[in-house]
């Protein structure tokens, strides 16, 4: 019989993200708002080459795609169940 240690649950603070949680959420919300405003993805304001700018651009596009998926699901007429 072996005694295993329970796996440590990683929290946001344990992970080394190049941006704060608020910055990540803001970027995702901005991306979603761009879809609501019918703007193309090229309007993403994060265009730098640094690690933080690249990461926030990815978060912006994640918010953009997520909002598109929500709209597609709502308008497709398919029952998700």
N, C-alpha and C. Protein backbone atom coordinates (compact mmCIF):
# COMPACT_ATOMS: atom_id res chain seq x y z
N UNK A 1 0.85 -1.18 0.00
CA UNK A 1 0.00 0.00 0.00
C UNK A 1 0.89 1.24 0.00
N UNK A 2 0.72 2.06 -1.01
CA UNK A 2 1.54 3.27 -1.09
C UNK A 2 0.71 4.48 -0.70
N UNK A 3 1.38 5.39 -0.09
CA UNK A 3 0.66 6.61 0.27
C UNK A 3 1.11 7.72 -0.68
N UNK A 4 0.19 8.16 -1.46
CA UNK A 4 0.47 9.23 -2.42
C UNK A 4 0.08 10.56 -1.82
N UNK A 5 0.87 11.54 -2.17
CA UNK A 5 0.51 12.90 -1.76
C UNK A 5 -0.53 13.41 -2.75
N UNK A 6 -1.52 14.11 -2.26
CA UNK A 6 -2.49 14.67 -3.20
C UNK A 6 -1.82 15.69 -4.12
N UNK A 7 -2.28 15.72 -5.35
CA UNK A 7 -1.73 16.66 -6.32
C UNK A 7 -2.02 18.08 -5.89
N UNK A 8 -1.02 18.93 -6.02
CA UNK A 8 -1.21 20.33 -5.66
C UNK A 8 -2.02 21.02 -6.75
N UNK A 9 -3.03 21.71 -6.34
CA UNK A 9 -3.86 22.46 -7.28
C UNK A 9 -3.18 23.78 -7.55
N UNK A 10 -2.96 24.05 -8.83
CA UNK A 10 -2.33 25.31 -9.19
C UNK A 10 -3.37 26.41 -9.25
N UNK A 11 -3.05 27.52 -8.64
CA UNK A 11 -3.91 28.69 -8.72
C UNK A 11 -3.34 29.64 -9.76
N UNK A 12 -4.08 30.68 -10.05
CA UNK A 12 -3.60 31.66 -11.03
C UNK A 12 -2.25 32.23 -10.60
N UNK A 13 -2.10 32.48 -9.32
CA UNK A 13 -0.85 33.06 -8.81
C UNK A 13 0.33 32.11 -8.94
N UNK A 14 0.07 30.80 -8.91
CA UNK A 14 1.14 29.81 -9.05
C UNK A 14 1.71 29.78 -10.46
N UNK A 15 0.90 30.09 -11.42
CA UNK A 15 1.32 30.06 -12.82
C UNK A 15 1.99 31.38 -13.16
N UNK A 16 2.88 31.33 -14.08
CA UNK A 16 3.64 32.52 -14.45
C UNK A 16 3.13 33.11 -15.77
N UNK A 17 2.00 33.79 -15.70
CA UNK A 17 1.45 34.45 -16.88
C UNK A 17 2.13 35.81 -17.05
N UNK A 18 2.30 36.24 -18.29
CA UNK A 18 2.96 37.53 -18.51
C UNK A 18 2.03 38.74 -18.35
N UNK A 19 0.83 38.52 -17.83
CA UNK A 19 -0.12 39.61 -17.62
C UNK A 19 -0.95 39.28 -16.39
N UNK A 20 -1.51 40.33 -15.81
CA UNK A 20 -2.37 40.13 -14.64
C UNK A 20 -3.71 39.55 -15.07
N UNK A 21 -4.42 39.00 -14.12
CA UNK A 21 -5.74 38.45 -14.41
C UNK A 21 -6.66 39.52 -14.98
N UNK A 22 -6.60 40.73 -14.43
CA UNK A 22 -7.45 41.81 -14.93
C UNK A 22 -7.11 42.16 -16.37
N UNK A 23 -5.83 42.19 -16.70
CA UNK A 23 -5.43 42.49 -18.08
C UNK A 23 -5.91 41.40 -19.04
N UNK A 24 -5.86 40.16 -18.60
CA UNK A 24 -6.34 39.05 -19.43
C UNK A 24 -7.84 39.18 -19.67
N UNK A 25 -8.59 39.40 -18.61
CA UNK A 25 -10.04 39.54 -18.73
C UNK A 25 -10.42 40.74 -19.59
N UNK A 26 -9.70 41.84 -19.43
CA UNK A 26 -9.96 43.04 -20.24
C UNK A 26 -9.72 42.76 -21.72
N UNK A 27 -8.62 42.07 -22.03
CA UNK A 27 -8.31 41.76 -23.42
C UNK A 27 -9.39 40.86 -24.02
N UNK A 28 -9.83 39.86 -23.27
CA UNK A 28 -10.88 38.97 -23.77
C UNK A 28 -12.20 39.72 -23.97
N UNK A 29 -12.52 40.62 -23.06
CA UNK A 29 -13.74 41.40 -23.20
C UNK A 29 -13.67 42.34 -24.40
N UNK A 30 -12.51 42.93 -24.63
CA UNK A 30 -12.33 43.79 -25.79
C UNK A 30 -12.52 43.01 -27.09
N UNK A 31 -11.99 41.79 -27.13
CA UNK A 31 -12.17 40.95 -28.31
C UNK A 31 -13.64 40.62 -28.55
N UNK A 32 -14.34 40.27 -27.48
CA UNK A 32 -15.77 39.98 -27.60
C UNK A 32 -16.55 41.21 -28.05
N UNK A 33 -16.17 42.37 -27.54
CA UNK A 33 -16.86 43.60 -27.92
C UNK A 33 -16.63 43.92 -29.40
N UNK A 34 -15.45 43.58 -29.92
CA UNK A 34 -15.18 43.81 -31.34
C UNK A 34 -16.16 43.01 -32.21
N UNK A 35 -16.48 41.79 -31.79
CA UNK A 35 -17.47 41.00 -32.53
C UNK A 35 -18.82 41.68 -32.44
N UNK A 36 -19.20 42.13 -31.24
CA UNK A 36 -20.48 42.81 -31.08
C UNK A 36 -20.57 44.06 -31.95
N UNK A 37 -19.42 44.72 -32.13
CA UNK A 37 -19.38 45.94 -32.95
C UNK A 37 -19.17 45.64 -34.43
N UNK A 38 -19.17 44.35 -34.78
CA UNK A 38 -19.01 43.91 -36.17
C UNK A 38 -17.68 44.36 -36.78
N UNK A 39 -16.63 44.29 -35.99
CA UNK A 39 -15.30 44.68 -36.44
C UNK A 39 -14.49 43.43 -36.81
N UNK A 40 -13.58 43.56 -37.77
CA UNK A 40 -12.76 42.40 -38.13
C UNK A 40 -11.67 42.16 -37.09
N UNK A 41 -11.12 40.95 -37.04
CA UNK A 41 -10.10 40.65 -36.03
C UNK A 41 -8.81 41.45 -36.18
N UNK A 42 -8.60 42.08 -37.31
CA UNK A 42 -7.36 42.86 -37.48
C UNK A 42 -7.34 44.14 -36.64
N UNK A 43 -8.44 44.46 -35.98
CA UNK A 43 -8.46 45.64 -35.13
C UNK A 43 -7.87 45.37 -33.75
N UNK A 44 -7.37 44.18 -33.53
CA UNK A 44 -6.76 43.84 -32.24
C UNK A 44 -5.71 44.89 -31.88
N UNK A 45 -5.83 45.51 -30.71
CA UNK A 45 -4.90 46.58 -30.35
C UNK A 45 -3.54 46.09 -29.87
N UNK A 46 -3.38 44.81 -29.66
CA UNK A 46 -2.12 44.27 -29.14
C UNK A 46 -1.25 43.83 -30.32
N UNK A 47 -0.24 44.63 -30.64
CA UNK A 47 0.56 44.37 -31.83
C UNK A 47 2.05 44.32 -31.57
N UNK A 48 2.46 44.36 -30.33
CA UNK A 48 3.87 44.37 -30.02
C UNK A 48 4.52 43.00 -30.21
N UNK A 49 5.81 42.97 -30.03
CA UNK A 49 6.56 41.73 -30.19
C UNK A 49 7.02 41.17 -28.85
N UNK A 50 6.74 41.87 -27.76
CA UNK A 50 7.11 41.38 -26.44
C UNK A 50 6.20 40.26 -25.99
N UNK A 51 6.65 39.53 -24.98
CA UNK A 51 5.89 38.39 -24.48
C UNK A 51 4.49 38.80 -24.01
N UNK A 52 4.40 39.92 -23.30
CA UNK A 52 3.10 40.34 -22.79
C UNK A 52 2.16 40.74 -23.93
N UNK A 53 2.65 41.46 -24.93
CA UNK A 53 1.79 41.88 -26.03
C UNK A 53 1.30 40.69 -26.84
N UNK A 54 2.18 39.72 -27.07
CA UNK A 54 1.79 38.52 -27.82
C UNK A 54 0.74 37.74 -27.03
N UNK A 55 0.96 37.61 -25.74
CA UNK A 55 0.02 36.89 -24.88
C UNK A 55 -1.34 37.59 -24.86
N UNK A 56 -1.34 38.91 -24.68
CA UNK A 56 -2.61 39.63 -24.63
C UNK A 56 -3.32 39.61 -25.98
N UNK A 57 -2.57 39.60 -27.08
CA UNK A 57 -3.18 39.46 -28.40
C UNK A 57 -3.88 38.11 -28.50
N UNK A 58 -3.24 37.07 -28.00
CA UNK A 58 -3.87 35.74 -28.00
C UNK A 58 -5.14 35.74 -27.16
N UNK A 59 -5.12 36.43 -26.03
CA UNK A 59 -6.30 36.50 -25.17
C UNK A 59 -7.41 37.30 -25.85
N UNK A 60 -7.04 38.36 -26.56
CA UNK A 60 -8.01 39.17 -27.29
C UNK A 60 -8.70 38.30 -28.34
N UNK A 61 -7.89 37.54 -29.10
CA UNK A 61 -8.45 36.68 -30.14
C UNK A 61 -9.27 35.54 -29.54
N UNK A 62 -8.90 35.08 -28.37
CA UNK A 62 -9.69 34.05 -27.69
C UNK A 62 -11.07 34.61 -27.36
N UNK A 63 -11.13 35.84 -26.84
CA UNK A 63 -12.42 36.47 -26.56
C UNK A 63 -13.23 36.69 -27.82
N UNK A 64 -12.55 37.05 -28.90
CA UNK A 64 -13.21 37.28 -30.20
C UNK A 64 -13.85 35.98 -30.69
N UNK A 65 -13.06 34.90 -30.71
CA UNK A 65 -13.56 33.61 -31.20
C UNK A 65 -14.67 33.05 -30.30
N UNK A 66 -14.52 33.24 -29.00
CA UNK A 66 -15.53 32.74 -28.08
C UNK A 66 -16.87 33.43 -28.34
N UNK A 67 -16.84 34.73 -28.52
CA UNK A 67 -18.08 35.47 -28.80
C UNK A 67 -18.68 35.04 -30.13
N UNK A 68 -17.84 34.81 -31.14
CA UNK A 68 -18.34 34.31 -32.42
C UNK A 68 -19.03 32.96 -32.24
N UNK A 69 -18.41 32.09 -31.46
CA UNK A 69 -18.99 30.76 -31.22
C UNK A 69 -20.34 30.87 -30.53
N UNK A 70 -20.46 31.78 -29.58
CA UNK A 70 -21.74 31.97 -28.88
C UNK A 70 -22.82 32.43 -29.86
N UNK A 71 -22.46 33.37 -30.72
CA UNK A 71 -23.42 33.88 -31.70
C UNK A 71 -23.80 32.79 -32.69
N UNK A 72 -22.81 32.05 -33.17
CA UNK A 72 -23.11 30.96 -34.12
C UNK A 72 -24.04 29.93 -33.49
N UNK A 73 -23.77 29.56 -32.25
CA UNK A 73 -24.61 28.56 -31.57
C UNK A 73 -26.04 29.08 -31.40
N UNK A 74 -26.17 30.35 -31.10
CA UNK A 74 -27.49 30.93 -30.87
C UNK A 74 -28.28 31.08 -32.17
N UNK A 75 -27.59 31.20 -33.30
CA UNK A 75 -28.28 31.45 -34.56
C UNK A 75 -28.30 30.25 -35.50
N UNK A 76 -27.67 29.16 -35.09
CA UNK A 76 -27.58 28.01 -35.99
C UNK A 76 -28.88 27.21 -36.07
N UNK A 77 -29.69 27.31 -35.04
CA UNK A 77 -30.94 26.56 -35.03
C UNK A 77 -30.73 25.13 -34.57
N UNK A 78 -29.50 24.73 -34.32
CA UNK A 78 -29.23 23.38 -33.84
C UNK A 78 -29.42 23.34 -32.34
N UNK A 79 -30.04 22.28 -31.90
CA UNK A 79 -30.21 22.09 -30.46
C UNK A 79 -28.94 21.45 -29.91
N UNK A 80 -28.23 22.13 -29.00
CA UNK A 80 -26.97 21.59 -28.52
C UNK A 80 -27.12 20.28 -27.73
N UNK A 81 -28.30 19.97 -27.28
CA UNK A 81 -28.51 18.72 -26.53
C UNK A 81 -28.76 17.65 -27.51
